[in-house]
Full PDB file with SEQRES, HELIX, SHEET, SSBOND, CRYST1, ORIGX, SCALE, CONECT and MASTER records, all heavy atoms in Angstrom:
SEQRES   1 A   32  ILE SER ASP ASP ALA ALA ARG TYR PRO LEU ALA PRO LEU          
SEQRES   2 A   32  THR GLY GLU GLN SER ALA TRP SER ARG GLU ARG PRO VAL          
SEQRES   3 A   32  SER PHE GLU ARG MET LEU                                      
HELIX    1 AA1 ALA A   19  GLU A   23  1                                   5    
HELIX    2 AA2 PHE A   28  MET A   31  1                                   4    
CRYST1    1.000    1.000    1.000  90.00  90.00  90.00 P 1           1          
ORIGX1      1.000000  0.000000  0.000000        0.00000                         
ORIGX2      0.000000  1.000000  0.000000        0.00000                         
ORIGX3      0.000000  0.000000  1.000000        0.00000                         
SCALE1      1.000000  0.000000  0.000000        0.00000                         
SCALE2      0.000000  1.000000  0.000000        0.00000                         
SCALE3      0.000000  0.000000  1.000000        0.00000                         
ATOM      1  N   ILE A   1     -40.765 -16.743  -2.209  1.00  0.00           N  
ATOM      2  CA  ILE A   1     -39.375 -16.894  -2.623  1.00  0.00           C  
ATOM      3  C   ILE A   1     -39.152 -15.993  -3.827  1.00  0.00           C  
ATOM      4  O   ILE A   1     -39.863 -16.094  -4.827  1.00  0.00           O  
ATOM      5  CB  ILE A   1     -39.052 -18.357  -3.022  1.00  0.00           C  
ATOM      6  CG1 ILE A   1     -39.493 -19.334  -1.924  1.00  0.00           C  
ATOM      7  CG2 ILE A   1     -37.570 -18.504  -3.367  1.00  0.00           C  
ATOM      8  CD1 ILE A   1     -38.755 -19.196  -0.625  1.00  0.00           C  
ATOM      9  N   SER A   2     -38.151 -15.151  -3.761  1.00  0.00           N  
ATOM     10  CA  SER A   2     -37.871 -14.235  -4.862  1.00  0.00           C  
ATOM     11  C   SER A   2     -37.278 -14.966  -6.060  1.00  0.00           C  
ATOM     12  O   SER A   2     -36.582 -15.978  -5.907  1.00  0.00           O  
ATOM     13  CB  SER A   2     -36.889 -13.157  -4.401  1.00  0.00           C  
ATOM     14  OG  SER A   2     -36.517 -12.328  -5.482  1.00  0.00           O  
ATOM     15  N   ASP A   3     -37.549 -14.433  -7.255  1.00  0.00           N  
ATOM     16  CA  ASP A   3     -36.898 -14.967  -8.453  1.00  0.00           C  
ATOM     17  C   ASP A   3     -35.637 -14.169  -8.788  1.00  0.00           C  
ATOM     18  O   ASP A   3     -35.037 -14.350  -9.849  1.00  0.00           O  
ATOM     19  CB  ASP A   3     -37.859 -14.989  -9.647  1.00  0.00           C  
ATOM     20  CG  ASP A   3     -38.530 -13.651  -9.885  1.00  0.00           C  
ATOM     21  OD1 ASP A   3     -38.054 -12.632  -9.328  1.00  0.00           O  
ATOM     22  OD2 ASP A   3     -39.525 -13.611 -10.628  1.00  0.00           O  
ATOM     23  N   ASP A   4     -35.226 -13.292  -7.872  1.00  0.00           N  
ATOM     24  CA  ASP A   4     -34.020 -12.485  -8.045  1.00  0.00           C  
ATOM     25  C   ASP A   4     -33.009 -12.877  -6.969  1.00  0.00           C  
ATOM     26  O   ASP A   4     -32.933 -12.271  -5.902  1.00  0.00           O  
ATOM     27  CB  ASP A   4     -34.360 -10.990  -7.935  1.00  0.00           C  
ATOM     28  CG  ASP A   4     -33.187 -10.085  -8.257  1.00  0.00           C  
ATOM     29  OD1 ASP A   4     -32.045 -10.588  -8.323  1.00  0.00           O  
ATOM     30  OD2 ASP A   4     -33.408  -8.868  -8.429  1.00  0.00           O  
ATOM     31  N   ALA A   5     -32.205 -13.917  -7.274  1.00  0.00           N  
ATOM     32  CA  ALA A   5     -31.265 -14.443  -6.286  1.00  0.00           C  
ATOM     33  C   ALA A   5     -30.101 -13.491  -6.023  1.00  0.00           C  
ATOM     34  O   ALA A   5     -29.437 -13.592  -4.990  1.00  0.00           O  
ATOM     35  CB  ALA A   5     -30.732 -15.802  -6.745  1.00  0.00           C  
ATOM     36  N   ALA A   6     -29.856 -12.572  -6.937  1.00  0.00           N  
ATOM     37  CA  ALA A   6     -28.781 -11.607  -6.717  1.00  0.00           C  
ATOM     38  C   ALA A   6     -29.196 -10.585  -5.666  1.00  0.00           C  
ATOM     39  O   ALA A   6     -28.404 -10.204  -4.793  1.00  0.00           O  
ATOM     40  CB  ALA A   6     -28.423 -10.914  -8.031  1.00  0.00           C  
ATOM     41  N   ARG A   7     -30.444 -10.142  -5.747  1.00  0.00           N  
ATOM     42  CA  ARG A   7     -30.938  -9.158  -4.796  1.00  0.00           C  
ATOM     43  C   ARG A   7     -31.282  -9.795  -3.455  1.00  0.00           C  
ATOM     44  O   ARG A   7     -31.110  -9.172  -2.399  1.00  0.00           O  
ATOM     45  CB  ARG A   7     -32.159  -8.458  -5.378  1.00  0.00           C  
ATOM     46  CG  ARG A   7     -32.674  -7.315  -4.509  1.00  0.00           C  
ATOM     47  CD  ARG A   7     -33.784  -6.553  -5.207  1.00  0.00           C  
ATOM     48  NE  ARG A   7     -34.240  -5.429  -4.422  1.00  0.00           N  
ATOM     49  CZ  ARG A   7     -35.254  -4.632  -4.777  1.00  0.00           C  
ATOM     50  NH1 ARG A   7     -35.882  -4.837  -5.931  1.00  0.00           N  
ATOM     51  NH2 ARG A   7     -35.620  -3.624  -4.000  1.00  0.00           N  
ATOM     52  N   TYR A   8     -31.787 -11.038  -3.507  1.00  0.00           N  
ATOM     53  CA  TYR A   8     -32.176 -11.752  -2.285  1.00  0.00           C  
ATOM     54  C   TYR A   8     -31.443 -13.099  -2.267  1.00  0.00           C  
ATOM     55  O   TYR A   8     -32.015 -14.132  -2.615  1.00  0.00           O  
ATOM     56  CB  TYR A   8     -33.695 -11.953  -2.237  1.00  0.00           C  
ATOM     57  CG  TYR A   8     -34.458 -10.649  -2.275  1.00  0.00           C  
ATOM     58  CD1 TYR A   8     -35.058 -10.199  -3.454  1.00  0.00           C  
ATOM     59  CD2 TYR A   8     -34.560  -9.852  -1.142  1.00  0.00           C  
ATOM     60  CE1 TYR A   8     -35.747  -8.993  -3.488  1.00  0.00           C  
ATOM     61  CE2 TYR A   8     -35.248  -8.645  -1.173  1.00  0.00           C  
ATOM     62  CZ  TYR A   8     -35.832  -8.224  -2.342  1.00  0.00           C  
ATOM     63  OH  TYR A   8     -36.515  -7.030  -2.378  1.00  0.00           O  
ATOM     64  N   PRO A   9     -30.169 -13.089  -1.864  1.00  0.00           N  
ATOM     65  CA  PRO A   9     -29.355 -14.316  -1.938  1.00  0.00           C  
ATOM     66  C   PRO A   9     -29.794 -15.377  -0.941  1.00  0.00           C  
ATOM     67  O   PRO A   9     -30.323 -15.076   0.133  1.00  0.00           O  
ATOM     68  CB  PRO A   9     -27.946 -13.814  -1.616  1.00  0.00           C  
ATOM     69  CG  PRO A   9     -28.155 -12.553  -0.833  1.00  0.00           C  
ATOM     70  CD  PRO A   9     -29.398 -11.932  -1.390  1.00  0.00           C  
ATOM     71  N   LEU A  10     -29.571 -16.616  -1.323  1.00  0.00           N  
ATOM     72  CA  LEU A  10     -29.909 -17.734  -0.461  1.00  0.00           C  
ATOM     73  C   LEU A  10     -29.003 -17.751   0.765  1.00  0.00           C  
ATOM     74  O   LEU A  10     -27.810 -17.477   0.674  1.00  0.00           O  
ATOM     75  CB  LEU A  10     -29.765 -19.051  -1.221  1.00  0.00           C  
ATOM     76  CG  LEU A  10     -30.678 -19.252  -2.431  1.00  0.00           C  
ATOM     77  CD1 LEU A  10     -30.346 -20.559  -3.137  1.00  0.00           C  
ATOM     78  CD2 LEU A  10     -32.136 -19.247  -1.994  1.00  0.00           C  
ATOM     79  N   ALA A  11     -29.599 -18.085   1.900  1.00  0.00           N  
ATOM     80  CA  ALA A  11     -28.834 -18.219   3.145  1.00  0.00           C  
ATOM     81  C   ALA A  11     -29.564 -19.178   4.078  1.00  0.00           C  
ATOM     82  O   ALA A  11     -29.918 -18.827   5.206  1.00  0.00           O  
ATOM     83  CB  ALA A  11     -28.652 -16.857   3.807  1.00  0.00           C  
ATOM     84  N   PRO A  12     -29.824 -20.424   3.615  1.00  0.00           N  
ATOM     85  CA  PRO A  12     -30.611 -21.349   4.437  1.00  0.00           C  
ATOM     86  C   PRO A  12     -29.910 -21.696   5.732  1.00  0.00           C  
ATOM     87  O   PRO A  12     -28.677 -21.762   5.806  1.00  0.00           O  
ATOM     88  CB  PRO A  12     -30.759 -22.581   3.533  1.00  0.00           C  
ATOM     89  CG  PRO A  12     -29.620 -22.494   2.569  1.00  0.00           C  
ATOM     90  CD  PRO A  12     -29.388 -21.033   2.341  1.00  0.00           C  
ATOM     91  N   LEU A  13     -30.708 -21.919   6.780  1.00  0.00           N  
ATOM     92  CA  LEU A  13     -30.139 -22.228   8.083  1.00  0.00           C  
ATOM     93  C   LEU A  13     -29.254 -23.460   8.036  1.00  0.00           C  
ATOM     94  O   LEU A  13     -28.259 -23.548   8.757  1.00  0.00           O  
ATOM     95  CB  LEU A  13     -31.266 -22.449   9.104  1.00  0.00           C  
ATOM     96  CG  LEU A  13     -32.075 -21.222   9.514  1.00  0.00           C  
ATOM     97  CD1 LEU A  13     -33.106 -21.627  10.560  1.00  0.00           C  
ATOM     98  CD2 LEU A  13     -31.179 -20.125  10.066  1.00  0.00           C  
ATOM     99  N   THR A  14     -29.603 -24.429   7.214  1.00  0.00           N  
ATOM    100  CA  THR A  14     -28.843 -25.677   7.150  1.00  0.00           C  
ATOM    101  C   THR A  14     -27.628 -25.571   6.253  1.00  0.00           C  
ATOM    102  O   THR A  14     -26.772 -26.442   6.270  1.00  0.00           O  
ATOM    103  CB  THR A  14     -29.727 -26.788   6.579  1.00  0.00           C  
ATOM    104  OG1 THR A  14     -30.159 -26.403   5.267  1.00  0.00           O  
ATOM    105  CG2 THR A  14     -30.927 -27.035   7.452  1.00  0.00           C  
ATOM    106  N   GLY A  15     -27.561 -24.527   5.445  1.00  0.00           N  
ATOM    107  CA  GLY A  15     -26.562 -24.470   4.398  1.00  0.00           C  
ATOM    108  C   GLY A  15     -27.039 -25.123   3.128  1.00  0.00           C  
ATOM    109  O   GLY A  15     -26.381 -25.056   2.083  1.00  0.00           O  
ATOM    110  N   GLU A  16     -28.201 -25.777   3.198  1.00  0.00           N  
ATOM    111  CA  GLU A  16     -28.778 -26.437   2.020  1.00  0.00           C  
ATOM    112  C   GLU A  16     -30.216 -25.975   1.853  1.00  0.00           C  
ATOM    113  O   GLU A  16     -31.025 -26.080   2.778  1.00  0.00           O  
ATOM    114  CB  GLU A  16     -28.725 -27.957   2.174  1.00  0.00           C  
ATOM    115  CG  GLU A  16     -29.318 -28.703   0.986  1.00  0.00           C  
ATOM    116  CD  GLU A  16     -29.270 -30.219   1.155  1.00  0.00           C  
ATOM    117  OE1 GLU A  16     -28.652 -30.683   2.133  1.00  0.00           O  
ATOM    118  OE2 GLU A  16     -29.872 -30.921   0.335  1.00  0.00           O  
ATOM    119  N   GLN A  17     -30.511 -25.457   0.676  1.00  0.00           N  
ATOM    120  CA  GLN A  17     -31.851 -24.947   0.412  1.00  0.00           C  
ATOM    121  C   GLN A  17     -32.881 -26.068   0.438  1.00  0.00           C  
ATOM    122  O   GLN A  17     -32.623 -27.184  -0.030  1.00  0.00           O  
ATOM    123  CB  GLN A  17     -31.881 -24.258  -0.954  1.00  0.00           C  
ATOM    124  CG  GLN A  17     -33.216 -23.627  -1.308  1.00  0.00           C  
ATOM    125  CD  GLN A  17     -33.212 -23.009  -2.702  1.00  0.00           C  
ATOM    126  OE1 GLN A  17     -32.226 -23.100  -3.427  1.00  0.00           O  
ATOM    127  NE2 GLN A  17     -34.312 -22.390  -3.072  1.00  0.00           N  
ATOM    128  N   SER A  18     -34.055 -25.786   0.969  1.00  0.00           N  
ATOM    129  CA  SER A  18     -35.137 -26.774   0.976  1.00  0.00           C  
ATOM    130  C   SER A  18     -35.558 -27.111  -0.447  1.00  0.00           C  
ATOM    131  O   SER A  18     -35.543 -26.259  -1.342  1.00  0.00           O  
ATOM    132  CB  SER A  18     -36.337 -26.250   1.760  1.00  0.00           C  
ATOM    133  OG  SER A  18     -36.753 -24.988   1.262  1.00  0.00           O  
ATOM    134  N   ALA A  19     -35.939 -28.376  -0.651  1.00  0.00           N  
ATOM    135  CA  ALA A  19     -36.308 -28.834  -1.992  1.00  0.00           C  
ATOM    136  C   ALA A  19     -37.501 -28.065  -2.538  1.00  0.00           C  
ATOM    137  O   ALA A  19     -37.527 -27.683  -3.709  1.00  0.00           O  
ATOM    138  CB  ALA A  19     -36.599 -30.332  -1.961  1.00  0.00           C  
ATOM    139  N   TRP A  20     -38.504 -27.809  -1.667  1.00  0.00           N  
ATOM    140  CA  TRP A  20     -39.717 -27.150  -2.174  1.00  0.00           C  
ATOM    141  C   TRP A  20     -39.426 -25.745  -2.684  1.00  0.00           C  
ATOM    142  O   TRP A  20     -39.984 -25.324  -3.700  1.00  0.00           O  
ATOM    143  CB  TRP A  20     -40.814 -27.128  -1.109  1.00  0.00           C  
ATOM    144  CG  TRP A  20     -40.532 -26.274   0.085  1.00  0.00           C  
ATOM    145  CD1 TRP A  20     -40.020 -26.677   1.286  1.00  0.00           C  
ATOM    146  CD2 TRP A  20     -40.710 -24.861   0.206  1.00  0.00           C  
ATOM    147  NE1 TRP A  20     -39.878 -25.607   2.137  1.00  0.00           N  
ATOM    148  CE2 TRP A  20     -40.293 -24.477   1.503  1.00  0.00           C  
ATOM    149  CE3 TRP A  20     -41.190 -23.878  -0.659  1.00  0.00           C  
ATOM    150  CZ2 TRP A  20     -40.343 -23.156   1.953  1.00  0.00           C  
ATOM    151  CZ3 TRP A  20     -41.236 -22.550  -0.212  1.00  0.00           C  
ATOM    152  CH2 TRP A  20     -40.821 -22.206   1.072  1.00  0.00           C  
ATOM    153  N   SER A  21     -38.545 -25.011  -1.984  1.00  0.00           N  
ATOM    154  CA  SER A  21     -38.270 -23.639  -2.409  1.00  0.00           C  
ATOM    155  C   SER A  21     -37.430 -23.602  -3.682  1.00  0.00           C  
ATOM    156  O   SER A  21     -37.446 -22.617  -4.417  1.00  0.00           O  
ATOM    157  CB  SER A  21     -37.581 -22.854  -1.299  1.00  0.00           C  
ATOM    158  OG  SER A  21     -36.308 -23.383  -0.986  1.00  0.00           O  
ATOM    159  N   ARG A  22     -36.709 -24.679  -3.926  1.00  0.00           N  
ATOM    160  CA  ARG A  22     -35.931 -24.784  -5.163  1.00  0.00           C  
ATOM    161  C   ARG A  22     -36.809 -25.235  -6.335  1.00  0.00           C  
ATOM    162  O   ARG A  22     -36.674 -24.755  -7.446  1.00  0.00           O  
ATOM    163  CB  ARG A  22     -34.778 -25.771  -4.954  1.00  0.00           C  
ATOM    164  CG  ARG A  22     -33.833 -25.896  -6.142  1.00  0.00           C  
ATOM    165  CD  ARG A  22     -32.640 -26.785  -5.807  1.00  0.00           C  
ATOM    166  NE  ARG A  22     -33.041 -28.135  -5.421  1.00  0.00           N  
ATOM    167  CZ  ARG A  22     -32.958 -28.632  -4.191  1.00  0.00           C  
ATOM    168  NH1 ARG A  22     -32.486 -27.867  -3.209  1.00  0.00           N  
ATOM    169  NH2 ARG A  22     -33.338 -29.867  -3.926  1.00  0.00           N  
ATOM    170  N   GLU A  23     -37.746 -26.149  -6.059  1.00  0.00           N  
ATOM    171  CA  GLU A  23     -38.529 -26.777  -7.123  1.00  0.00           C  
ATOM    172  C   GLU A  23     -39.809 -26.027  -7.466  1.00  0.00           C  
ATOM    173  O   GLU A  23     -40.262 -26.065  -8.608  1.00  0.00           O  
ATOM    174  CB  GLU A  23     -38.870 -28.220  -6.718  1.00  0.00           C  
ATOM    175  CG  GLU A  23     -37.635 -29.107  -6.566  1.00  0.00           C  
ATOM    176  CD  GLU A  23     -37.937 -30.410  -5.858  1.00  0.00           C  
ATOM    177  OE1 GLU A  23     -39.125 -30.641  -5.503  1.00  0.00           O  
ATOM    178  OE2 GLU A  23     -36.992 -31.200  -5.632  1.00  0.00           O  
ATOM    179  N   ARG A  24     -40.426 -25.354  -6.496  1.00  0.00           N  
ATOM    180  CA  ARG A  24     -41.691 -24.665  -6.769  1.00  0.00           C  
ATOM    181  C   ARG A  24     -41.771 -23.336  -6.029  1.00  0.00           C  
ATOM    182  O   ARG A  24     -42.692 -23.106  -5.237  1.00  0.00           O  
ATOM    183  CB  ARG A  24     -42.893 -25.562  -6.459  1.00  0.00           C  
ATOM    184  CG  ARG A  24     -42.847 -26.286  -5.119  1.00  0.00           C  
ATOM    185  CD  ARG A  24     -44.097 -27.143  -4.927  1.00  0.00           C  
ATOM    186  NE  ARG A  24     -44.147 -27.714  -3.602  1.00  0.00           N  
ATOM    187  CZ  ARG A  24     -43.596 -28.883  -3.263  1.00  0.00           C  
ATOM    188  NH1 ARG A  24     -42.965 -29.596  -4.178  1.00  0.00           N  
ATOM    189  NH2 ARG A  24     -43.680 -29.342  -2.023  1.00  0.00           N  
ATOM    190  N   PRO A  25     -40.797 -22.456  -6.278  1.00  0.00           N  
ATOM    191  CA  PRO A  25     -40.816 -21.151  -5.611  1.00  0.00           C  
ATOM    192  C   PRO A  25     -41.982 -20.299  -6.087  1.00  0.00           C  
ATOM    193  O   PRO A  25     -42.416 -20.404  -7.243  1.00  0.00           O  
ATOM    194  CB  PRO A  25     -39.475 -20.531  -6.019  1.00  0.00           C  
ATOM    195  CG  PRO A  25     -39.189 -21.140  -7.358  1.00  0.00           C  
ATOM    196  CD  PRO A  25     -39.694 -22.556  -7.260  1.00  0.00           C  
ATOM    197  N   VAL A  26     -42.480 -19.457  -5.206  1.00  0.00           N  
ATOM    198  CA  VAL A  26     -43.577 -18.542  -5.537  1.00  0.00           C  
ATOM    199  C   VAL A  26     -43.179 -17.146  -5.076  1.00  0.00           C  
ATOM    200  O   VAL A  26     -42.970 -16.915  -3.885  1.00  0.00           O  
ATOM    201  CB  VAL A  26     -44.895 -18.981  -4.861  1.00  0.00           C  
ATOM    202  CG1 VAL A  26     -45.975 -17.922  -5.043  1.00  0.00           C  
ATOM    203  CG2 VAL A  26     -45.361 -20.312  -5.422  1.00  0.00           C  
ATOM    204  N   SER A  27     -43.046 -16.232  -6.034  1.00  0.00           N  
ATOM    205  CA  SER A  27     -42.735 -14.847  -5.689  1.00  0.00           C  
ATOM    206  C   SER A  27     -43.960 -14.192  -5.061  1.00  0.00           C  
ATOM    207  O   SER A  27     -45.082 -14.708  -5.170  1.00  0.00           O  
ATOM    208  CB  SER A  27     -42.341 -14.072  -6.940  1.00  0.00           C  
ATOM    209  OG  SER A  27     -43.459 -13.949  -7.809  1.00  0.00           O  
ATOM    210  N   PHE A  28     -43.768 -13.039  -4.423  1.00  0.00           N  
ATOM    211  CA  PHE A  28     -44.944 -12.410  -3.810  1.00  0.00           C  
ATOM    212  C   PHE A  28     -45.924 -11.912  -4.856  1.00  0.00           C  
ATOM    213  O   PHE A  28     -47.131 -11.889  -4.612  1.00  0.00           O  
ATOM    214  CB  PHE A  28     -44.561 -11.343  -2.790  1.00  0.00           C  
ATOM    215  CG  PHE A  28     -43.991 -10.052  -3.301  1.00  0.00           C  
ATOM    216  CD1 PHE A  28     -44.782  -9.121  -3.955  1.00  0.00           C  
ATOM    217  CD2 PHE A  28     -42.655  -9.739  -3.086  1.00  0.00           C  
ATOM    218  CE1 PHE A  28     -44.263  -7.913  -4.389  1.00  0.00           C  
ATOM    219  CE2 PHE A  28     -42.117  -8.525  -3.507  1.00  0.00           C  
ATOM    220  CZ  PHE A  28     -42.930  -7.612  -4.176  1.00  0.00           C  
ATOM    221  N   GLU A  29     -45.430 -11.554  -6.047  1.00  0.00           N  
ATOM    222  CA  GLU A  29     -46.356 -11.149  -7.111  1.00  0.00           C  
ATOM    223  C   GLU A  29     -47.236 -12.334  -7.536  1.00  0.00           C  
ATOM    224  O   GLU A  29     -48.445 -12.187  -7.717  1.00  0.00           O  
ATOM    225  CB  GLU A  29     -45.575 -10.619  -8.320  1.00  0.00           C  
ATOM    226  CG  GLU A  29     -44.820  -9.326  -8.068  1.00  0.00           C  
ATOM    227  CD  GLU A  29     -43.406  -9.548  -7.564  1.00  0.00           C  
ATOM    228  OE1 GLU A  29     -43.047 -10.706  -7.224  1.00  0.00           O  
ATOM    229  OE2 GLU A  29     -42.646  -8.557  -7.495  1.00  0.00           O  
ATOM    230  N   ARG A  30     -46.601 -13.494  -7.669  1.00  0.00           N  
ATOM    231  CA  ARG A  30     -47.398 -14.674  -8.042  1.00  0.00           C  
ATOM    232  C   ARG A  30     -48.287 -15.110  -6.880  1.00  0.00           C  
ATOM    233  O   ARG A  30     -49.399 -15.602  -7.093  1.00  0.00           O  
ATOM    234  CB  ARG A  30     -46.481 -15.823  -8.466  1.00  0.00           C  
ATOM    235  CG  ARG A  30     -47.287 -17.036  -8.915  1.00  0.00           C  
ATOM    236  CD  ARG A  30     -46.491 -18.047  -9.693  1.00  0.00           C  
ATOM    237  NE  ARG A  30     -47.267 -19.274  -9.807  1.00  0.00           N  
ATOM    238  CZ  ARG A  30     -46.963 -20.430  -9.215  1.00  0.00           C  
ATOM    239  NH1 ARG A  30     -45.867 -20.529  -8.479  1.00  0.00           N  
ATOM    240  NH2 ARG A  30     -47.724 -21.489  -9.357  1.00  0.00           N  
ATOM    241  N   MET A  31     -47.819 -14.908  -5.664  1.00  0.00           N  
ATOM    242  CA  MET A  31     -48.645 -15.244  -4.506  1.00  0.00           C  
ATOM    243  C   MET A  31     -49.966 -14.480  -4.559  1.00  0.00           C  
ATOM    244  O   MET A  31     -51.036 -15.041  -4.280  1.00  0.00           O  
ATOM    245  CB  MET A  31     -47.905 -14.934  -3.212  1.00  0.00           C  
ATOM    246  CG  MET A  31     -48.680 -15.268  -1.938  1.00  0.00           C  
ATOM    247  SD  MET A  31     -49.025 -17.036  -1.697  1.00  0.00           S  
ATOM    248  CE  MET A  31     -47.367 -17.638  -1.287  1.00  0.00           C  
ATOM    249  N   LEU A  32     -49.908 -13.214  -4.918  1.00  0.00           N  
ATOM    250  CA  LEU A  32     -51.138 -12.428  -5.028  1.00  0.00           C  
ATOM    251  C   LEU A  32     -52.093 -13.045  -6.045  1.00  0.00           C  
ATOM    252  O   LEU A  32     -53.300 -13.138  -5.801  1.00  0.00           O  
ATOM    253  CB  LEU A  32     -50.811 -10.987  -5.417  1.00  0.00           C  
ATOM    254  CG  LEU A  32     -50.176 -10.115  -4.334  1.00  0.00           C  
ATOM    255  CD1 LEU A  32     -49.756  -8.775  -4.924  1.00  0.00           C  
ATOM    256  CD2 LEU A  32     -51.125  -9.901  -3.168  1.00  0.00           C  
TER     257      LEU A  32                                                      
MASTER        0    0    0    2    0    0    0    6  256    1    0    3          
END                                                                             
């Protein structure tokens, strides 16, 4: 999950973001 919401805007299938991606997002840099 990006920490740049302007560049990668949210567009969840449900219209509501999943709790885990809101509460504990991990960017690809941190994933590494």
